[in-house]
């Protein structure tokens, strides 16, 4: 009986090894194709750029309602504050952004706080920080995430008429950065407030 079992194993084993080898070869081909496809995918931009034409901004309000903000055909300018509640550099900019937002709204500007994070995280942060909930867009679609380079926050973007980016300030802003931003936007508050925006 054992002789018969050994003969069966002896006959079946080469066939089994052959099929396992074919399966491994097919698996390697599939993996190589996937790796090649990933290598050719465009990388996410690290910053939005001046002159860039924006598509509509889409995401959700903090009430969970879909929100779309038209970019093309806009007749007015707006400022987009791109941030993440968990980002320490964003939190460092927050005091200045609050001053900036209030000054801009007094001058008739639209200010959008664009959070790359989910609604619930963003909501908790907005309540804690005092960010106006009506000005917030959270959970952006991929297109919005991509065009505002939300892989790298914080950023402050001035969008001109027609939805074209005029200027972008990226990263944590120092005194010179705040001064440049307030001056560019022609806000009289710049001289008095820049010194108060920098942590000692």
C-alpha atoms as a PDB file:
ATOM      1  CA  UNK A   1       0.000   0.000   0.000  1.00  0.00           C
ATOM      2  CA  UNK A   2       2.778   2.450   0.893  1.00  0.00           C
ATOM      3  CA  UNK A   3       4.448   1.598  -2.381  1.00  0.00           C
ATOM      4  CA  UNK A   4       1.277   2.652  -4.231  1.00  0.00           C
ATOM      5  CA  UNK A   5       1.080   5.927  -2.236  1.00  0.00           C
ATOM      6  CA  UNK A   6       4.717   6.676  -3.027  1.00  0.00           C
ATOM      7  CA  UNK A   7       4.102   6.038  -6.734  1.00  0.00           C
ATOM      8  CA  UNK A   8       1.077   8.403  -6.742  1.00  0.00           C
ATOM      9  CA  UNK A   9       3.065  11.082  -4.929  1.00  0.00           C
ATOM     10  CA  UNK A  10       5.981  10.554  -7.313  1.00  0.00           C
ATOM     11  CA  UNK A  11       3.673  11.018 -10.324  1.00  0.00           C
ATOM     12  CA  UNK A  12       1.578  13.894  -8.891  1.00  0.00           C
ATOM     13  CA  UNK A  13       4.397  15.914  -7.301  1.00  0.00           C
ATOM     14  CA  UNK A  14       5.967  17.163 -10.593  1.00  0.00           C
ATOM     15  CA  UNK A  15       2.515  18.208 -11.855  1.00  0.00           C
ATOM     16  CA  UNK A  16       1.814  20.033  -8.599  1.00  0.00           C
ATOM     17  CA  UNK A  17       5.186  21.813  -8.729  1.00  0.00           C
ATOM     18  CA  UNK A  18       4.484  22.784 -12.351  1.00  0.00           C
ATOM     19  CA  UNK A  19       1.104  24.394 -11.483  1.00  0.00           C
ATOM     20  CA  UNK A  20       2.539  26.178  -8.416  1.00  0.00           C
ATOM     21  CA  UNK A  21       5.347  27.562 -10.618  1.00  0.00           C
ATOM     22  CA  UNK A  22       2.815  28.816 -13.186  1.00  0.00           C
ATOM     23  CA  UNK A  23       0.727  30.454 -10.430  1.00  0.00           C
ATOM     24  CA  UNK A  24       3.807  32.200  -9.016  1.00  0.00           C
ATOM     25  CA  UNK A  25       4.806  33.416 -12.472  1.00  0.00           C
ATOM     26  CA  UNK A  26       1.312  34.856 -13.120  1.00  0.00           C
ATOM     27  CA  UNK A  27       1.311  36.476  -9.669  1.00  0.00           C
ATOM     28  CA  UNK A  28       4.697  38.113 -10.365  1.00  0.00           C
ATOM     29  CA  UNK A  29       3.468  39.466 -13.715  1.00  0.00           C
ATOM     30  CA  UNK A  30       0.350  40.962 -12.079  1.00  0.00           C
ATOM     31  CA  UNK A  31       2.433  42.546  -9.284  1.00  0.00           C
ATOM     32  CA  UNK A  32       4.893  44.022 -11.792  1.00  0.00           C
ATOM     33  CA  UNK A  33       2.036  45.604 -13.761  1.00  0.00           C
ATOM     34  CA  UNK A  34       0.553  47.117 -10.585  1.00  0.00           C
ATOM     35  CA  UNK A  35       3.924  48.542  -9.535  1.00  0.00           C
ATOM     36  CA  UNK A  36       4.442  50.031 -13.025  1.00  0.00           C
ATOM     37  CA  UNK A  37       0.950  51.587 -12.910  1.00  0.00           C
ATOM     38  CA  UNK A  38       1.675  53.166  -9.504  1.00  0.00           C
ATOM     39  CA  UNK A  39       4.985  54.569 -10.768  1.00  0.00           C
ATOM     40  CA  UNK A  40       3.208  56.318 -13.633  1.00  0.00           C
ATOM     41  CA  UNK A  41       0.444  57.841 -11.503  1.00  0.00           C
ATOM     42  CA  UNK A  42       0.750  61.608 -11.057  1.00  0.00           C
ATOM     43  CA  UNK A  43       1.961  62.588  -7.610  1.00  0.00           C
ATOM     44  CA  UNK A  44      -0.126  64.958  -5.517  1.00  0.00           C
ATOM     45  CA  UNK A  45       1.090  68.550  -5.815  1.00  0.00           C
ATOM     46  CA  UNK A  46       2.743  70.016  -2.734  1.00  0.00           C
ATOM     47  CA  UNK A  47       1.350  73.504  -3.357  1.00  0.00           C
ATOM     48  CA  UNK A  48      -1.290  75.267  -5.430  1.00  0.00           C
ATOM     49  CA  UNK A  49       0.238  77.771  -7.861  1.00  0.00           C
ATOM     50  CA  UNK A  50      -0.481  81.330  -8.941  1.00  0.00           C
ATOM     51  CA  UNK A  51      -2.154  81.402 -12.354  1.00  0.00           C
ATOM     52  CA  UNK A  52      -3.823  78.015 -11.835  1.00  0.00           C
ATOM     53  CA  UNK A  53      -7.419  77.790 -13.070  1.00  0.00           C
ATOM     54  CA  UNK A  54      -9.585  76.223 -10.373  1.00  0.00           C
ATOM     55  CA  UNK A  55     -12.565  73.952 -10.882  1.00  0.00           C
ATOM     56  CA  UNK A  56     -15.535  74.168  -8.508  1.00  0.00           C
ATOM     57  CA  UNK A  57     -14.738  73.537  -4.834  1.00  0.00           C
ATOM     58  CA  UNK A  58     -16.828  70.629  -3.591  1.00  0.00           C
ATOM     59  CA  UNK A  59     -17.170  69.053  -0.168  1.00  0.00           C
ATOM     60  CA  UNK A  60     -19.614  69.116   2.740  1.00  0.00           C
ATOM     61  CA  UNK A  61     -20.944  71.636   5.226  1.00  0.00           C
ATOM     62  CA  UNK A  62     -20.593  70.825   8.909  1.00  0.00           C
ATOM     63  CA  UNK A  63     -24.276  69.800   8.816  1.00  0.00           C
ATOM     64  CA  UNK A  64     -23.347  67.056   6.345  1.00  0.00           C
ATOM     65  CA  UNK A  65     -24.916  68.744   3.321  1.00  0.00           C
ATOM     66  CA  UNK A  66     -23.070  68.683  -0.036  1.00  0.00           C
ATOM     67  CA  UNK A  67     -21.577  72.085  -0.860  1.00  0.00           C
ATOM     68  CA  UNK A  68     -20.309  73.429  -4.166  1.00  0.00           C
ATOM     69  CA  UNK A  69     -18.578  76.779  -4.569  1.00  0.00           C
ATOM     70  CA  UNK A  70     -18.347  78.012  -8.141  1.00  0.00           C
ATOM     71  CA  UNK A  71     -14.899  79.046  -9.274  1.00  0.00           C
ATOM     72  CA  UNK A  72     -15.118  79.647 -13.016  1.00  0.00           C
ATOM     73  CA  UNK A  73     -17.137  82.725 -13.859  1.00  0.00           C
ATOM     74  CA  UNK A  74     -16.760  84.247 -10.402  1.00  0.00           C
ATOM     75  CA  UNK A  75     -16.941  88.016 -10.411  1.00  0.00           C
ATOM     76  CA  UNK A  76     -15.434  88.441  -6.966  1.00  0.00           C
ATOM     77  CA  UNK A  77     -12.292  87.410  -5.132  1.00  0.00           C
ATOM     78  CA  UNK A  78     -12.096  85.060  -2.181  1.00  0.00           C
ATOM     79  CA  UNK A  79      -9.549  83.695   0.265  1.00  0.00           C
ATOM     80  CA  UNK A  80      -9.267  79.961   0.926  1.00  0.00           C
ATOM     81  CA  UNK A  81      -7.675  78.875   4.207  1.00  0.00           C
ATOM     82  CA  UNK A  82      -6.606  75.239   3.747  1.00  0.00           C
ATOM     83  CA  UNK A  83      -5.958  73.403   6.987  1.00  0.00           C
ATOM     84  CA  UNK A  84      -6.238  70.241   9.043  1.00  0.00           C
ATOM     85  CA  UNK A  85      -7.416  70.331  12.676  1.00  0.00           C
ATOM     86  CA  UNK A  86      -4.607  67.966  13.664  1.00  0.00           C
ATOM     87  CA  UNK A  87      -1.807  69.941  11.985  1.00  0.00           C
ATOM     88  CA  UNK A  88       0.424  71.859  14.458  1.00  0.00           C
ATOM     89  CA  UNK A  89       1.476  74.388  11.786  1.00  0.00           C
ATOM     90  CA  UNK A  90      -2.191  75.066  11.027  1.00  0.00           C
ATOM     91  CA  UNK A  91      -2.877  75.661  14.717  1.00  0.00           C
ATOM     92  CA  UNK A  92       0.088  78.049  14.819  1.00  0.00           C
ATOM     93  CA  UNK A  93      -1.498  80.056  11.968  1.00  0.00           C
ATOM     94  CA  UNK A  94      -4.982  79.998  13.469  1.00  0.00           C
ATOM     95  CA  UNK A  95      -4.782  83.214  15.494  1.00  0.00           C
ATOM     96  CA  UNK A  96      -3.670  85.132  12.411  1.00  0.00           C
ATOM     97  CA  UNK A  97      -6.280  83.471  10.225  1.00  0.00           C
ATOM     98  CA  UNK A  98      -9.028  84.505  12.632  1.00  0.00           C
ATOM     99  CA  UNK A  99      -7.864  88.142  12.478  1.00  0.00           C
ATOM    100  CA  UNK A 100      -7.501  87.902   8.700  1.00  0.00           C
ATOM    101  CA  UNK A 101     -10.958  86.351   8.278  1.00  0.00           C
ATOM    102  CA  UNK A 102     -12.686  89.031  10.361  1.00  0.00           C
ATOM    103  CA  UNK A 103     -10.868  91.860   8.563  1.00  0.00           C
ATOM    104  CA  UNK A 104     -11.695  90.437   5.137  1.00  0.00           C
ATOM    105  CA  UNK A 105     -15.377  89.926   5.953  1.00  0.00           C
ATOM    106  CA  UNK A 106     -15.614  93.550   7.102  1.00  0.00           C
ATOM    107  CA  UNK A 107     -14.284  94.486   3.662  1.00  0.00           C
ATOM    108  CA  UNK A 108     -16.846  92.342   1.792  1.00  0.00           C
ATOM    109  CA  UNK A 109     -14.625  89.352   0.988  1.00  0.00           C
ATOM    110  CA  UNK A 110     -15.672  85.701   1.050  1.00  0.00           C
ATOM    111  CA  UNK A 111     -13.480  83.500   3.257  1.00  0.00           C
ATOM    112  CA  UNK A 112     -13.588  79.699   3.031  1.00  0.00           C
ATOM    113  CA  UNK A 113     -11.997  77.490   5.686  1.00  0.00           C
ATOM    114  CA  UNK A 114     -11.234  74.303   3.713  1.00  0.00           C
ATOM    115  CA  UNK A 115     -10.604  71.335   6.013  1.00  0.00           C
ATOM    116  CA  UNK A 116      -9.139  68.205   4.498  1.00  0.00           C
ATOM    117  CA  UNK A 117     -10.513  66.147   7.414  1.00  0.00           C
ATOM    118  CA  UNK A 118     -13.882  64.455   8.092  1.00  0.00           C
ATOM    119  CA  UNK A 119     -16.889  66.479   9.211  1.00  0.00           C
ATOM    120  CA  UNK A 120     -16.962  65.297  12.842  1.00  0.00           C
ATOM    121  CA  UNK A 121     -13.278  66.092  13.508  1.00  0.00           C
ATOM    122  CA  UNK A 122     -13.618  69.455  11.769  1.00  0.00           C
ATOM    123  CA  UNK A 123     -16.818  70.308  13.676  1.00  0.00           C
ATOM    124  CA  UNK A 124     -15.221  69.644  17.078  1.00  0.00           C
ATOM    125  CA  UNK A 125     -12.239  71.777  16.150  1.00  0.00           C
ATOM    126  CA  UNK A 126     -14.359  74.666  14.823  1.00  0.00           C
ATOM    127  CA  UNK A 127     -16.431  74.776  18.023  1.00  0.00           C
ATOM    128  CA  UNK A 128     -13.267  74.766  20.151  1.00  0.00           C
ATOM    129  CA  UNK A 129     -11.441  77.373  18.022  1.00  0.00           C
ATOM    130  CA  UNK A 130     -14.428  79.645  17.287  1.00  0.00           C
ATOM    131  CA  UNK A 131     -14.215  79.237  13.500  1.00  0.00           C
ATOM    132  CA  UNK A 132     -17.527  80.312  11.875  1.00  0.00           C
ATOM    133  CA  UNK A 133     -19.242  77.069  10.875  1.00  0.00           C
ATOM    134  CA  UNK A 134     -20.941  78.622   7.838  1.00  0.00           C
ATOM    135  CA  UNK A 135     -17.524  79.409   6.332  1.00  0.00           C
ATOM    136  CA  UNK A 136     -16.245  75.811   6.522  1.00  0.00           C
ATOM    137  CA  UNK A 137     -16.044  73.135   3.816  1.00  0.00           C
ATOM    138  CA  UNK A 138     -14.924  69.686   5.040  1.00  0.00           C
ATOM    139  CA  UNK A 139     -14.368  66.244   3.498  1.00  0.00           C
ATOM    140  CA  UNK A 140     -13.452  67.684   0.078  1.00  0.00           C
ATOM    141  CA  UNK A 141     -13.755  65.607  -3.072  1.00  0.00           C
ATOM    142  CA  UNK A 142     -10.534  64.368  -4.660  1.00  0.00           C
ATOM    143  CA  UNK A 143     -10.622  67.146  -7.273  1.00  0.00           C
ATOM    144  CA  UNK A 144     -10.773  69.825  -4.574  1.00  0.00           C
ATOM    145  CA  UNK A 145      -8.164  68.005  -2.460  1.00  0.00           C
ATOM    146  CA  UNK A 146      -5.856  67.835  -5.484  1.00  0.00           C
ATOM    147  CA  UNK A 147      -6.215  71.371  -6.812  1.00  0.00           C
ATOM    148  CA  UNK A 148      -5.708  72.994  -3.407  1.00  0.00           C
ATOM    149  CA  UNK A 149      -2.783  70.613  -2.652  1.00  0.00           C
ATOM    150  CA  UNK A 150      -4.309  69.526   0.648  1.00  0.00           C
ATOM    151  CA  UNK A 151      -1.643  66.852   1.055  1.00  0.00           C
ATOM    152  CA  UNK A 152       0.476  69.753   2.298  1.00  0.00           C
ATOM    153  CA  UNK A 153      -1.246  72.174   4.675  1.00  0.00           C
ATOM    154  CA  UNK A 154      -1.434  74.932   5.868  1.00  0.00           C
ATOM    155  CA  UNK A 155      -1.913  77.339   2.992  1.00  0.00           C
ATOM    156  CA  UNK A 156      -3.661  80.652   2.419  1.00  0.00           C
ATOM    157  CA  UNK A 157      -4.807  81.170  -1.174  1.00  0.00           C
ATOM    158  CA  UNK A 158      -6.180  84.309  -2.812  1.00  0.00           C
ATOM    159  CA  UNK A 159      -8.525  83.389  -5.666  1.00  0.00           C
ATOM    160  CA  UNK A 160      -9.286  86.113  -8.182  1.00  0.00           C
ATOM    161  CA  UNK A 161     -12.260  86.647 -10.479  1.00  0.00           C
ATOM    162  CA  UNK A 162     -12.864  83.717 -12.794  1.00  0.00           C
ATOM    163  CA  UNK A 163     -11.460  81.263 -10.256  1.00  0.00           C
ATOM    164  CA  UNK A 164      -7.790  81.876 -11.005  1.00  0.00           C
ATOM    165  CA  UNK A 165      -5.290  81.675  -8.162  1.00  0.00           C
ATOM    166  CA  UNK A 166      -3.576  85.024  -7.605  1.00  0.00           C
ATOM    167  CA  UNK A 167      -1.205  84.190  -4.776  1.00  0.00           C
ATOM    168  CA  UNK A 168      -0.470  81.433  -2.247  1.00  0.00           C
ATOM    169  CA  UNK A 169       1.222  81.543   1.167  1.00  0.00           C
ATOM    170  CA  UNK A 170       2.246  78.032   2.275  1.00  0.00           C
ATOM    171  CA  UNK A 171       3.318  76.702   5.645  1.00  0.00           C
ATOM    172  CA  UNK A 172       3.520  78.379   9.042  1.00  0.00           C
ATOM    173  CA  UNK A 173       3.674  82.137   8.565  1.00  0.00           C
ATOM    174  CA  UNK A 174       6.283  84.269  10.322  1.00  0.00           C
ATOM    175  CA  UNK A 175       6.096  88.051  10.815  1.00  0.00           C
ATOM    176  CA  UNK A 176       7.263  88.741   7.254  1.00  0.00           C
ATOM    177  CA  UNK A 177       4.697  86.276   5.878  1.00  0.00           C
ATOM    178  CA  UNK A 178       1.797  87.871   7.766  1.00  0.00           C
ATOM    179  CA  UNK A 179       2.969  91.334   6.749  1.00  0.00           C
ATOM    180  CA  UNK A 180       3.149  90.252   3.099  1.00  0.00           C
ATOM    181  CA  UNK A 181      -0.335  88.705   3.264  1.00  0.00           C
ATOM    182  CA  UNK A 182      -2.031  91.681   4.945  1.00  0.00           C
ATOM    183  CA  UNK A 183      -0.247  94.136   2.637  1.00  0.00           C
ATOM    184  CA  UNK A 184      -1.213  92.177  -0.476  1.00  0.00           C
ATOM    185  CA  UNK A 185      -4.844  92.232   0.603  1.00  0.00           C
ATOM    186  CA  UNK A 186      -4.612  95.958   1.447  1.00  0.00           C
ATOM    187  CA  UNK A 187      -5.781  95.485   5.005  1.00  0.00           C
ATOM    188  CA  UNK A 188      -5.010  98.467   7.229  1.00  0.00           C
ATOM    189  CA  UNK A 189      -4.785  96.192  10.251  1.00  0.00           C
ATOM    190  CA  UNK A 190      -1.429  94.817   9.072  1.00  0.00           C
ATOM    191  CA  UNK A 191       0.891  97.277  10.855  1.00  0.00           C
ATOM    192  CA  UNK A 192      -0.836  97.015  14.216  1.00  0.00           C
ATOM    193  CA  UNK A 193      -1.517  93.298  14.265  1.00  0.00           C
ATOM    194  CA  UNK A 194       1.439  91.467  12.731  1.00  0.00           C
ATOM    195  CA  UNK A 195       3.460  91.607  15.943  1.00  0.00           C
ATOM    196  CA  UNK A 196       0.589  90.060  17.912  1.00  0.00           C
ATOM    197  CA  UNK A 197       0.275  87.132  15.491  1.00  0.00           C
ATOM    198  CA  UNK A 198       3.673  85.644  16.262  1.00  0.00           C
ATOM    199  CA  UNK A 199       4.063  83.435  19.300  1.00  0.00           C
ATOM    200  CA  UNK A 200       6.910  84.624  21.553  1.00  0.00           C
END
